[in-house]
Amino acid sequence: MNQLSSALYEFFLFGSTHGFIQPVDIRPRNGWEKQYKKEHWELNFTNGVSLALPEPLQVTEADSSKWKESYVYGAGGERLSMTYLPAYDDNNGWEPTPGAGGAEPGVQPKTLWYMQDALGSTLGLVEKDGRVSSRYHYDEFGVPQDAKKFDLNWPGPDNLFGYTGLGYDFTSSNTYARARYYEPEIGRFISEDTFRGDAWNPQSQNLYTYVENNPLIYVDPTGFAAALIGYVYIIEGPYDGKIETYVGSTAQDIKKRMGNHKWKEIVRHPDSTVKAIEVTADLDIKGSHKGTYFGARNEALRAAEQEVINKYKSEGIKLKNVDEAATAKNLPIWKSRHSVSFAMNSAKLALKGGNRINSAIGVFDIYKTAMDLRRSQFEYAPYYMQDEGGVFTIGYSKEGWFSKTKYHKTYQTGPSKGNRINIDKEEYKFWKAEGEALWGYLDAWGNFVPGLLNPVLPSSDIVI
């Protein structure tokens, strides 16, 4: 038995009268292979609809009651545990007849707990005493690496979920991302995205790429491109000889926190810096607390804002923000509900003293171009802003003295380019206040109040 050094075997003596030793291979098996092999595998899924995205609550084999798994989820939609029926198969052989494999009648179910990484990928399944039942690894784009099962004689488990928590098909090696299948081996979806991309982001115009080729910080739980919904703004500047830092998911929030006097001084200061972090999300409007677009957008942006706040605090940076953007309870719920993602260390816009350090934010460039064209006949309107439909302006119209005022958004770029969409007065007032906080405005005395992204009025050749 000199081969024991390269292969682990355990020998059991089946009674002293049998006169032989039976070898049983107990080497770890492939972590994705099923408990018993079937030429045809058909499963029925019962999904829960109370979560941010539909997730399986129970999975059963279509032609037998001998295979069943059920799942429990946390408040943020994360998969916590699976309960399944262990099936004994001493050689992992093919099922002789349909329905013959699987658990024996009366077998007791077994519960395992999921171990996951920051992207939600399944790293392992453990028992209540901490023993590892199976483990999983992946490369950057989700190709499975060295998956192992450690239970003897194939009692399970049949794990169905892998990279970023999505379903994994062991036979085809594809990942199920709800709207489309994703092929990790090539880092591409096997069908096109329905979103045709944004002119300001060339990466988004490749309809097959996975998370714009940046899988280390982004995930795609739906198979659809997450839409840009807004920004988290960070401003750092001197006030009374000290550097103050504010974080906000809207410019008007930061302005309110500072107060008018401090706002003017910090925003105008040549040493002040402003960063804008792009936030993308797949808004679940119906699942939001208010059931409105604005409510869903607010939840998603505040989840991103709170994560930025938490990051700064963990690094020992003192913020002037008094209130939290999201509670510890709401943060994971909102983030999961709307599939919120952003790159903390990759600001789309950075300004110092109002001058560009770097910029990949289309609305800023559009605004600057428009201001250059308007210098000889200054109009401090329209304000340019951006949401998932693209860069837009706001306005209102009234057909007659006694007619009702109508408010609208007109998209200049993006997926909704050329569309004029009616909005209510509340949304109009919000965007007007946001535009003033971003780009500045003239007060009642004709004085320029600075904007977060436009602290100095371009006064040359301006006639008021």
Protein backbone atom coordinates (compact mmCIF):
# COMPACT_ATOMS: atom_id res chain seq x y z
CA MET A 1 0.00 0.00 0.00
CA ASN A 2 2.80 2.45 -0.86
CA GLN A 3 0.32 4.52 -2.86
CA LEU A 4 -1.28 5.89 0.31
CA SER A 5 1.01 8.92 0.12
CA SER A 6 -0.69 10.11 -3.09
CA ALA A 7 -4.26 8.95 -2.45
CA LEU A 8 -6.16 8.81 0.81
CA TYR A 9 -8.07 5.60 1.47
CA GLU A 10 -9.76 4.30 4.54
CA PHE A 11 -10.26 0.58 5.02
CA PHE A 12 -13.09 -0.97 6.91
CA LEU A 13 -13.12 -4.60 8.08
CA PHE A 14 -16.54 -6.07 7.42
CA GLY A 15 -16.62 -8.72 10.13
CA SER A 16 -13.78 -11.06 11.08
CA THR A 17 -15.37 -13.95 9.19
CA HIS A 18 -15.48 -12.14 5.82
CA GLY A 19 -11.75 -12.39 5.39
CA PHE A 20 -11.40 -9.25 3.19
CA ILE A 21 -10.95 -5.50 3.46
CA GLN A 22 -13.19 -3.09 1.50
CA PRO A 23 -11.53 0.16 0.32
CA VAL A 24 -13.70 3.30 0.38
CA ASP A 25 -12.44 6.46 -1.36
CA ILE A 26 -12.88 9.43 0.98
CA ARG A 27 -11.04 12.06 -1.02
CA PRO A 28 -12.98 15.34 -1.29
CA ARG A 29 -15.22 15.41 -4.37
CA ASN A 30 -16.10 18.21 -6.77
CA GLY A 31 -18.16 20.72 -4.81
CA TRP A 32 -20.63 21.30 -7.63
CA GLU A 33 -21.41 17.69 -8.55
CA LYS A 34 -24.84 16.47 -7.48
CA GLN A 35 -25.60 13.88 -4.80
CA TYR A 36 -26.54 11.39 -7.46
CA LYS A 37 -26.15 11.62 -11.20
CA LYS A 38 -29.16 11.98 -13.46
CA GLU A 39 -29.45 12.03 -17.24
CA HIS A 40 -32.35 14.46 -16.88
CA TRP A 41 -32.59 16.94 -14.02
CA GLU A 42 -35.73 19.04 -13.70
CA LEU A 43 -36.33 21.25 -10.67
CA ASN A 44 -39.31 23.28 -9.50
CA PHE A 45 -38.61 26.59 -7.75
CA THR A 46 -40.95 28.31 -5.30
CA ASN A 47 -39.81 31.95 -5.10
CA GLY A 48 -40.42 34.53 -2.40
CA VAL A 49 -41.55 37.93 -3.70
CA SER A 50 -41.17 39.90 -0.46
CA LEU A 51 -37.42 40.30 -1.00
CA ALA A 52 -35.80 42.98 -3.16
CA LEU A 53 -35.36 40.38 -5.92
CA PRO A 54 -37.26 37.07 -6.20
CA GLU A 55 -35.28 34.36 -4.43
CA PRO A 56 -36.02 30.62 -4.06
CA LEU A 57 -37.67 29.64 -0.80
CA GLN A 58 -37.90 25.97 -1.80
CA VAL A 59 -36.58 23.80 -4.64
CA THR A 60 -37.91 20.31 -5.35
CA GLU A 61 -37.20 17.68 -7.97
CA ALA A 62 -40.03 17.54 -10.48
CA ASP A 63 -40.37 13.73 -10.70
CA SER A 64 -39.70 12.77 -7.08
CA SER A 65 -40.20 13.86 -3.48
CA LYS A 66 -36.79 12.48 -2.48
CA TRP A 67 -34.89 15.68 -3.27
CA LYS A 68 -35.81 18.99 -1.64
CA GLU A 69 -34.01 22.12 -0.44
CA SER A 70 -35.36 25.18 1.39
CA TYR A 71 -33.68 28.51 2.15
CA VAL A 72 -33.76 31.23 4.80
CA TYR A 73 -32.81 34.88 4.10
CA GLY A 74 -31.74 37.81 6.24
CA ALA A 75 -33.24 41.30 6.42
CA GLY A 76 -30.95 42.53 3.63
CA GLY A 77 -31.87 39.66 1.29
CA GLU A 78 -28.68 37.70 2.00
CA ARG A 79 -28.98 33.89 1.91
CA LEU A 80 -28.38 32.55 5.44
CA SER A 81 -28.99 28.81 5.36
CA MET A 82 -30.21 25.83 3.40
CA THR A 83 -32.05 22.78 4.67
CA TYR A 84 -31.97 19.64 2.54
CA LEU A 85 -32.66 15.89 2.58
CA PRO A 86 -29.37 13.92 2.71
CA ALA A 87 -29.12 11.12 0.15
CA TYR A 88 -26.77 8.16 0.64
CA ASP A 89 -24.94 6.96 -2.46
CA ASP A 90 -21.93 4.77 -1.79
CA ASN A 91 -20.38 5.19 -5.25
CA ASN A 92 -21.96 8.33 -6.71
CA GLY A 93 -23.37 6.23 -9.52
CA TRP A 94 -25.94 7.09 -12.15
CA GLU A 95 -29.56 6.84 -11.13
CA PRO A 96 -30.76 3.41 -12.40
CA THR A 97 -34.37 4.50 -12.99
CA PRO A 98 -36.07 7.91 -12.73
CA GLY A 99 -36.88 8.67 -9.10
CA ALA A 100 -34.78 5.82 -7.73
CA GLY A 101 -32.08 8.08 -6.32
CA GLY A 102 -32.32 10.64 -3.58
CA ALA A 103 -33.17 10.48 0.09
CA GLU A 104 -34.78 7.47 1.69
CA PRO A 105 -38.29 7.82 3.20
CA GLY A 106 -38.28 9.27 6.71
CA VAL A 107 -34.75 10.72 6.51
CA GLN A 108 -34.26 13.76 8.73
CA PRO A 109 -33.46 17.07 7.01
CA LYS A 110 -30.09 18.70 7.60
CA THR A 111 -29.33 22.45 7.84
CA LEU A 112 -26.16 24.15 6.66
CA TRP A 113 -25.16 27.82 6.88
CA TYR A 114 -23.75 29.91 4.04
CA MET A 115 -20.38 31.65 4.27
CA GLN A 116 -20.10 34.54 1.80
CA ASP A 117 -17.62 37.22 0.74
CA ALA A 118 -18.23 40.95 0.25
CA LEU A 119 -19.70 40.36 -3.23
CA GLY A 120 -22.18 37.80 -1.91
CA SER A 121 -20.36 34.81 -3.45
CA THR A 122 -20.79 31.47 -1.70
CA LEU A 123 -17.47 30.51 -0.09
CA GLY A 124 -18.66 27.54 1.91
CA LEU A 125 -21.43 25.69 3.70
CA VAL A 126 -20.87 24.84 7.36
CA GLU A 127 -22.67 22.73 9.94
CA LYS A 128 -23.88 24.00 13.30
CA ASP A 129 -20.72 22.72 15.00
CA GLY A 130 -18.53 24.65 12.54
CA ARG A 131 -17.46 21.71 10.39
CA VAL A 132 -17.08 22.63 6.71
CA SER A 133 -19.38 20.63 4.47
CA SER A 134 -18.21 22.21 1.20
CA ARG A 135 -16.00 25.07 0.04
CA TYR A 136 -15.87 27.22 -3.11
CA HIS A 137 -13.42 29.61 -4.76
CA TYR A 138 -13.67 31.76 -7.90
CA ASP A 139 -11.44 33.93 -10.05
CA GLU A 140 -12.23 37.61 -10.63
CA PHE A 141 -14.93 36.93 -13.22
CA GLY A 142 -16.52 34.02 -11.38
CA VAL A 143 -14.86 30.92 -12.85
CA PRO A 144 -15.14 28.21 -10.13
CA GLN A 145 -11.79 27.21 -8.64
CA ASP A 146 -11.11 24.03 -6.65
CA ALA A 147 -14.62 23.46 -5.23
CA LYS A 148 -14.75 20.56 -2.75
CA LYS A 149 -17.31 18.49 -0.82
CA PHE A 150 -16.13 16.91 2.40
CA ASP A 151 -19.16 14.82 3.44
CA LEU A 152 -18.50 11.08 3.08
CA ASN A 153 -20.51 8.89 0.73
CA TRP A 154 -22.18 11.81 -1.01
CA PRO A 155 -24.91 12.82 1.43
CA GLY A 156 -24.72 16.32 -0.02
CA PRO A 157 -25.14 19.16 -0.20
CA ASP A 158 -26.36 20.09 -3.68
CA ASN A 159 -25.44 23.75 -3.61
CA LEU A 160 -27.12 25.70 -6.40
CA PHE A 161 -25.66 29.17 -5.75
CA GLY A 162 -22.16 30.46 -6.34
CA TYR A 163 -20.51 33.59 -7.71
CA THR A 164 -22.11 36.78 -6.25
CA GLY A 165 -24.93 34.57 -4.92
CA LEU A 166 -26.37 33.80 -8.36
CA GLY A 167 -27.49 30.39 -9.54
CA TYR A 168 -24.77 28.19 -11.04
CA ASP A 169 -25.37 25.41 -13.58
CA PHE A 170 -22.65 22.79 -13.10
CA THR A 171 -23.42 21.10 -16.42
CA SER A 172 -23.21 24.17 -18.69
CA SER A 173 -20.81 26.16 -16.45
CA ASN A 174 -23.10 29.20 -16.87
CA THR A 175 -24.37 31.53 -14.16
CA TYR A 176 -28.06 32.45 -14.08
CA ALA A 177 -28.44 36.23 -13.67
CA ARG A 178 -32.23 36.26 -14.00
CA ALA A 179 -32.58 38.27 -17.22
CA ARG A 180 -29.64 36.57 -18.94
CA TYR A 181 -27.09 33.80 -18.59
CA TYR A 182 -23.52 34.79 -17.84
CA GLU A 183 -20.51 32.74 -18.99
CA PRO A 184 -17.67 33.23 -16.48
CA GLU A 185 -15.03 31.57 -18.69
CA ILE A 186 -15.15 34.49 -21.12
CA GLY A 187 -16.47 37.15 -18.73
CA ARG A 188 -19.45 37.89 -20.97
CA PHE A 189 -23.21 37.44 -21.06
CA ILE A 190 -24.43 35.11 -23.78
CA SER A 191 -27.12 37.55 -24.95
CA GLU A 192 -27.42 41.32 -25.33
CA ASP A 193 -28.51 43.78 -22.66
CA THR A 194 -31.77 45.58 -23.43
CA PHE A 195 -30.14 48.87 -22.38
CA ARG A 196 -28.23 50.18 -25.40
CA GLY A 197 -25.61 52.08 -23.40
CA ASP A 198 -24.73 55.67 -22.65
CA ALA A 199 -22.77 57.93 -25.02
CA TRP A 200 -20.85 59.29 -22.04
CA ASN A 201 -19.71 55.82 -20.99
CA PRO A 202 -18.25 53.78 -23.88
CA GLN A 203 -17.94 50.70 -21.65
CA SER A 204 -21.73 50.57 -21.35
CA GLN A 205 -22.13 50.35 -25.13
CA ASN A 206 -20.78 46.80 -25.25
CA LEU A 207 -24.01 44.91 -24.61
CA TYR A 208 -22.30 41.67 -23.54
CA THR A 209 -19.74 42.85 -20.96
CA TYR A 210 -20.12 41.95 -17.31
CA VAL A 211 -20.23 44.96 -14.93
CA GLU A 212 -18.23 47.05 -17.42
CA ASN A 213 -15.24 44.73 -16.93
CA ASN A 214 -14.86 45.72 -13.27
CA PRO A 215 -15.96 42.65 -11.26
CA LEU A 216 -13.88 43.45 -8.18
CA ILE A 217 -16.27 46.15 -6.97
CA TYR A 218 -19.48 45.69 -8.98
CA VAL A 219 -22.09 42.92 -9.17
CA ASP A 220 -25.01 42.36 -11.53
CA PRO A 221 -27.86 40.57 -9.72
CA THR A 222 -30.44 41.10 -12.50
CA GLY A 223 -28.59 40.74 -15.80
CA PHE A 224 -29.60 44.28 -16.69
CA ALA A 225 -27.26 47.26 -16.69
CA ALA A 226 -27.68 49.23 -13.50
CA ALA A 227 -28.68 52.81 -14.28
CA LEU A 228 -26.95 55.91 -13.00
CA ILE A 229 -29.30 57.50 -10.45
CA GLY A 230 -27.14 60.21 -8.93
CA TYR A 231 -24.00 60.98 -6.98
CA VAL A 232 -22.59 61.13 -3.48
CA TYR A 233 -20.80 64.46 -3.07
CA ILE A 234 -17.86 65.07 -0.75
CA ILE A 235 -16.57 68.58 -0.07
CA GLU A 236 -13.51 69.41 2.00
CA GLY A 237 -12.52 73.00 2.68
CA PRO A 238 -11.14 75.45 5.24
CA TYR A 239 -13.37 77.34 7.68
CA ASP A 240 -12.06 79.33 10.65
CA GLY A 241 -8.63 77.85 10.14
CA LYS A 242 -9.80 74.22 10.18
CA ILE A 243 -10.59 71.74 7.40
CA GLU A 244 -14.23 70.63 7.43
CA THR A 245 -15.64 67.67 5.49
CA TYR A 246 -19.25 67.14 4.46
CA VAL A 247 -20.87 64.21 2.67
CA GLY A 248 -24.27 64.25 0.99
CA SER A 249 -26.27 62.48 -1.71
CA THR A 250 -27.69 65.82 -2.86
CA ALA A 251 -26.01 69.21 -3.06
CA GLN A 252 -28.96 70.87 -1.34
CA ASP A 253 -28.56 68.57 1.69
CA ILE A 254 -24.94 69.66 2.09
CA LYS A 255 -25.96 73.29 1.75
CA LYS A 256 -28.57 72.94 4.49
CA ARG A 257 -26.04 71.27 6.80
CA MET A 258 -23.54 74.09 6.31
CA GLY A 259 -25.86 77.07 6.42
CA ASN A 260 -25.64 79.94 3.90
CA HIS A 261 -22.68 81.76 5.44
CA LYS A 262 -20.42 78.72 5.76
CA TRP A 263 -21.58 77.44 2.35
CA LYS A 264 -20.44 80.62 0.59
CA GLU A 265 -17.08 80.67 2.35
CA ILE A 266 -16.15 76.99 1.92
CA VAL A 267 -17.50 76.51 -1.61
CA ARG A 268 -15.75 79.66 -2.88
CA HIS A 269 -12.41 78.96 -1.21
CA PRO A 270 -9.66 78.18 -3.77
CA ASP A 271 -8.34 75.30 -1.62
CA SER A 272 -11.71 73.56 -1.29
CA THR A 273 -12.09 70.25 -3.11
CA VAL A 274 -15.28 68.59 -4.35
CA LYS A 275 -15.64 64.97 -5.39
CA ALA A 276 -18.64 63.28 -7.00
CA ILE A 277 -18.98 59.48 -6.69
CA GLU A 278 -21.28 57.91 -9.27
CA VAL A 279 -24.10 55.76 -7.84
CA THR A 280 -25.85 53.14 -9.98
CA ALA A 281 -28.90 51.10 -9.02
CA ASP A 282 -31.77 49.01 -10.30
CA LEU A 283 -34.59 50.79 -8.47
CA ASP A 284 -37.36 48.64 -6.98
CA ILE A 285 -40.08 51.28 -6.92
CA LYS A 286 -42.88 49.00 -5.73
CA GLY A 287 -40.71 47.57 -2.97
CA SER A 288 -39.70 50.97 -1.60
CA HIS A 289 -41.33 52.30 1.56
CA LYS A 290 -43.31 55.02 -0.25
CA GLY A 291 -43.84 53.04 -3.45
CA THR A 292 -42.73 56.00 -5.60
CA TYR A 293 -39.78 56.69 -7.90
CA PHE A 294 -38.57 59.48 -5.67
CA GLY A 295 -38.84 57.29 -2.59
CA ALA A 296 -36.88 54.45 -4.22
CA ARG A 297 -34.21 56.84 -5.51
CA ASN A 298 -33.86 58.43 -2.09
CA GLU A 299 -33.40 55.03 -0.40
CA ALA A 300 -30.71 54.00 -2.90
CA LEU A 301 -28.77 57.27 -2.68
CA ARG A 302 -28.92 57.39 1.10
CA ALA A 303 -27.64 53.80 1.30
CA ALA A 304 -24.64 54.81 -0.81
CA GLU A 305 -24.16 58.01 1.21
CA GLN A 306 -24.16 56.08 4.48
CA GLU A 307 -21.54 53.66 3.20
CA VAL A 308 -19.31 56.61 2.28
CA ILE A 309 -19.89 58.07 5.75
CA ASN A 310 -19.01 54.73 7.35
CA LYS A 311 -15.85 54.48 5.24
CA TYR A 312 -14.67 57.93 6.31
CA LYS A 313 -15.39 57.21 9.96
CA SER A 314 -13.50 53.91 9.82
CA GLU A 315 -10.48 55.84 8.55
CA GLY A 316 -10.70 58.28 11.46
CA ILE A 317 -11.85 61.23 9.33
CA LYS A 318 -14.20 63.46 11.29
CA LEU A 319 -17.27 64.57 9.34
CA LYS A 320 -19.47 67.55 10.04
CA ASN A 321 -22.55 65.50 9.20
CA VAL A 322 -24.76 65.44 12.29
CA ASP A 323 -27.37 62.93 11.12
CA GLU A 324 -26.87 59.50 9.57
CA ALA A 325 -28.14 58.99 6.01
CA ALA A 326 -29.46 55.50 6.82
CA THR A 327 -29.86 53.51 10.00
CA ALA A 328 -27.88 50.33 10.59
CA LYS A 329 -31.13 48.43 9.98
CA ASN A 330 -32.13 50.23 6.77
CA LEU A 331 -28.70 50.32 5.10
CA PRO A 332 -28.47 46.63 4.06
CA ILE A 333 -32.16 46.53 3.17
CA TRP A 334 -32.02 49.58 0.90
CA LYS A 335 -28.73 48.53 -0.68
CA SER A 336 -30.02 45.06 -1.52
CA ARG A 337 -33.50 46.21 -2.53
CA HIS A 338 -32.17 48.58 -5.20
CA SER A 339 -28.94 46.74 -6.11
CA VAL A 340 -26.92 49.83 -5.22
CA SER A 341 -23.30 49.98 -6.35
CA PHE A 342 -20.58 52.62 -6.51
CA ALA A 343 -16.79 52.92 -6.57
CA MET A 344 -15.66 54.61 -3.37
CA ASN A 345 -12.12 55.24 -4.65
CA SER A 346 -13.08 56.28 -8.18
CA ALA A 347 -14.61 59.76 -8.24
CA LYS A 348 -16.22 60.66 -11.57
CA LEU A 349 -15.52 64.34 -10.93
CA ALA A 350 -12.92 66.14 -8.86
CA LEU A 351 -12.67 69.92 -8.56
CA LYS A 352 -10.38 72.22 -6.62
CA GLY A 353 -11.44 75.82 -6.25
CA GLY A 354 -13.99 75.20 -8.99
CA ASN A 355 -11.34 74.03 -11.46
CA ARG A 356 -11.39 70.55 -12.88
CA ILE A 357 -8.84 68.04 -11.61
CA ASN A 358 -10.44 65.20 -13.52
CA SER A 359 -13.87 64.67 -14.99
CA ALA A 360 -15.84 61.87 -16.58
CA ILE A 361 -19.22 63.31 -15.68
CA GLY A 362 -21.18 64.34 -18.75
CA VAL A 363 -23.51 66.80 -17.03
CA PHE A 364 -20.54 68.92 -15.88
CA ASP A 365 -19.14 69.19 -19.41
CA ILE A 366 -22.56 69.97 -20.87
CA TYR A 367 -23.09 72.73 -18.33
CA LYS A 368 -19.70 74.33 -18.98
CA THR A 369 -20.30 74.27 -22.74
CA ALA A 370 -23.73 75.82 -22.32
CA MET A 371 -22.34 78.58 -20.09
CA ASP A 372 -19.69 79.43 -22.68
CA LEU A 373 -22.44 79.83 -25.29
CA ARG A 374 -24.55 82.03 -23.00
CA ARG A 375 -21.90 84.47 -21.81
CA SER A 376 -23.03 87.26 -24.12
CA GLN A 377 -26.68 86.90 -23.10
CA PHE A 378 -26.59 85.47 -19.61
CA GLU A 379 -29.49 83.31 -18.50
CA TYR A 380 -28.86 81.42 -15.28
CA ALA A 381 -31.24 78.74 -16.42
CA PRO A 382 -31.84 76.07 -17.37
CA TYR A 383 -30.06 73.94 -14.79
CA TYR A 384 -28.53 70.72 -16.07
CA MET A 385 -29.00 67.65 -13.93
CA GLN A 386 -28.82 63.90 -14.39
CA ASP A 387 -30.69 60.73 -13.49
CA GLU A 388 -31.07 57.27 -15.02
CA GLY A 389 -32.73 58.78 -18.13
CA GLY A 390 -29.74 61.01 -18.92
CA VAL A 391 -28.90 64.71 -18.59
CA PHE A 392 -32.04 66.86 -18.43
CA THR A 393 -33.35 70.36 -17.88
CA ILE A 394 -36.50 71.37 -16.02
CA GLY A 395 -39.19 73.85 -16.96
CA TYR A 396 -42.86 74.72 -16.71
CA SER A 397 -45.58 76.03 -18.96
CA LYS A 398 -49.03 77.53 -18.68
CA GLU A 399 -51.46 77.70 -21.57
CA GLY A 400 -53.65 80.49 -20.16
CA TRP A 401 -54.34 82.66 -17.13
CA PHE A 402 -56.73 80.13 -15.62
CA SER A 403 -55.02 76.94 -16.76
CA LYS A 404 -53.00 74.72 -14.47
CA THR A 405 -49.21 75.05 -14.50
CA LYS A 406 -47.48 72.03 -16.01
CA TYR A 407 -43.97 70.99 -14.99
CA HIS A 408 -41.62 68.86 -17.05
CA LYS A 409 -38.16 67.40 -17.56
CA THR A 410 -36.58 67.50 -21.04
CA TYR A 411 -33.75 65.03 -21.65
CA GLN A 412 -30.73 66.31 -23.58
CA THR A 413 -28.66 63.08 -23.59
CA GLY A 414 -28.89 59.44 -22.54
CA PRO A 415 -31.51 56.73 -23.09
CA SER A 416 -34.38 59.25 -22.85
CA LYS A 417 -32.80 61.88 -25.13
CA GLY A 418 -35.43 64.08 -26.77
CA ASN A 419 -38.23 63.02 -24.42
CA ARG A 420 -40.23 65.56 -22.46
CA ILE A 421 -41.69 64.01 -19.33
CA ASN A 422 -44.32 65.60 -17.11
CA ILE A 423 -43.47 65.82 -13.40
CA ASP A 424 -45.39 67.11 -10.40
CA LYS A 425 -44.72 70.37 -8.58
CA GLU A 426 -42.93 68.62 -5.71
CA GLU A 427 -40.38 67.02 -8.05
CA TYR A 428 -39.94 70.29 -9.93
CA LYS A 429 -39.18 72.16 -6.68
CA PHE A 430 -36.69 69.46 -5.67
CA TRP A 431 -34.77 69.66 -8.94
CA LYS A 432 -34.86 73.48 -8.92
CA ALA A 433 -33.33 73.52 -5.43
CA GLU A 434 -30.79 70.90 -6.49
CA GLY A 435 -29.87 72.91 -9.59
CA GLU A 436 -29.33 76.04 -7.51
CA ALA A 437 -27.15 74.12 -5.03
CA LEU A 438 -25.11 72.53 -7.84
CA TRP A 439 -24.67 75.48 -10.19
CA GLY A 440 -25.45 78.59 -8.10
CA TYR A 441 -28.01 81.35 -8.58
CA LEU A 442 -28.61 85.08 -8.30
CA ASP A 443 -30.33 86.17 -5.09
CA ALA A 444 -32.93 88.94 -4.78
CA TRP A 445 -30.19 91.60 -4.66
CA GLY A 446 -28.46 90.32 -7.76
CA ASN A 447 -25.62 88.69 -5.87
CA PHE A 448 -24.29 85.35 -7.04
CA VAL A 449 -24.72 82.50 -4.53
CA PRO A 450 -22.11 79.84 -5.41
CA GLY A 451 -22.93 76.30 -6.45
CA LEU A 452 -21.12 73.17 -5.35
CA LEU A 453 -19.82 72.49 -8.88
CA ASN A 454 -19.75 76.15 -10.00
CA PRO A 455 -18.42 78.34 -7.20
CA VAL A 456 -17.52 81.36 -9.36
CA LEU A 457 -19.85 83.19 -11.74
CA PRO A 458 -18.30 83.40 -15.25
CA SER A 459 -18.81 87.16 -15.46
CA SER A 460 -16.99 88.10 -18.67
CA ASP A 461 -19.23 89.60 -21.34
CA ILE A 462 -22.31 89.02 -19.23
CA VAL A 463 -25.20 91.41 -19.64
CA ILE A 464 -27.97 91.19 -17.02
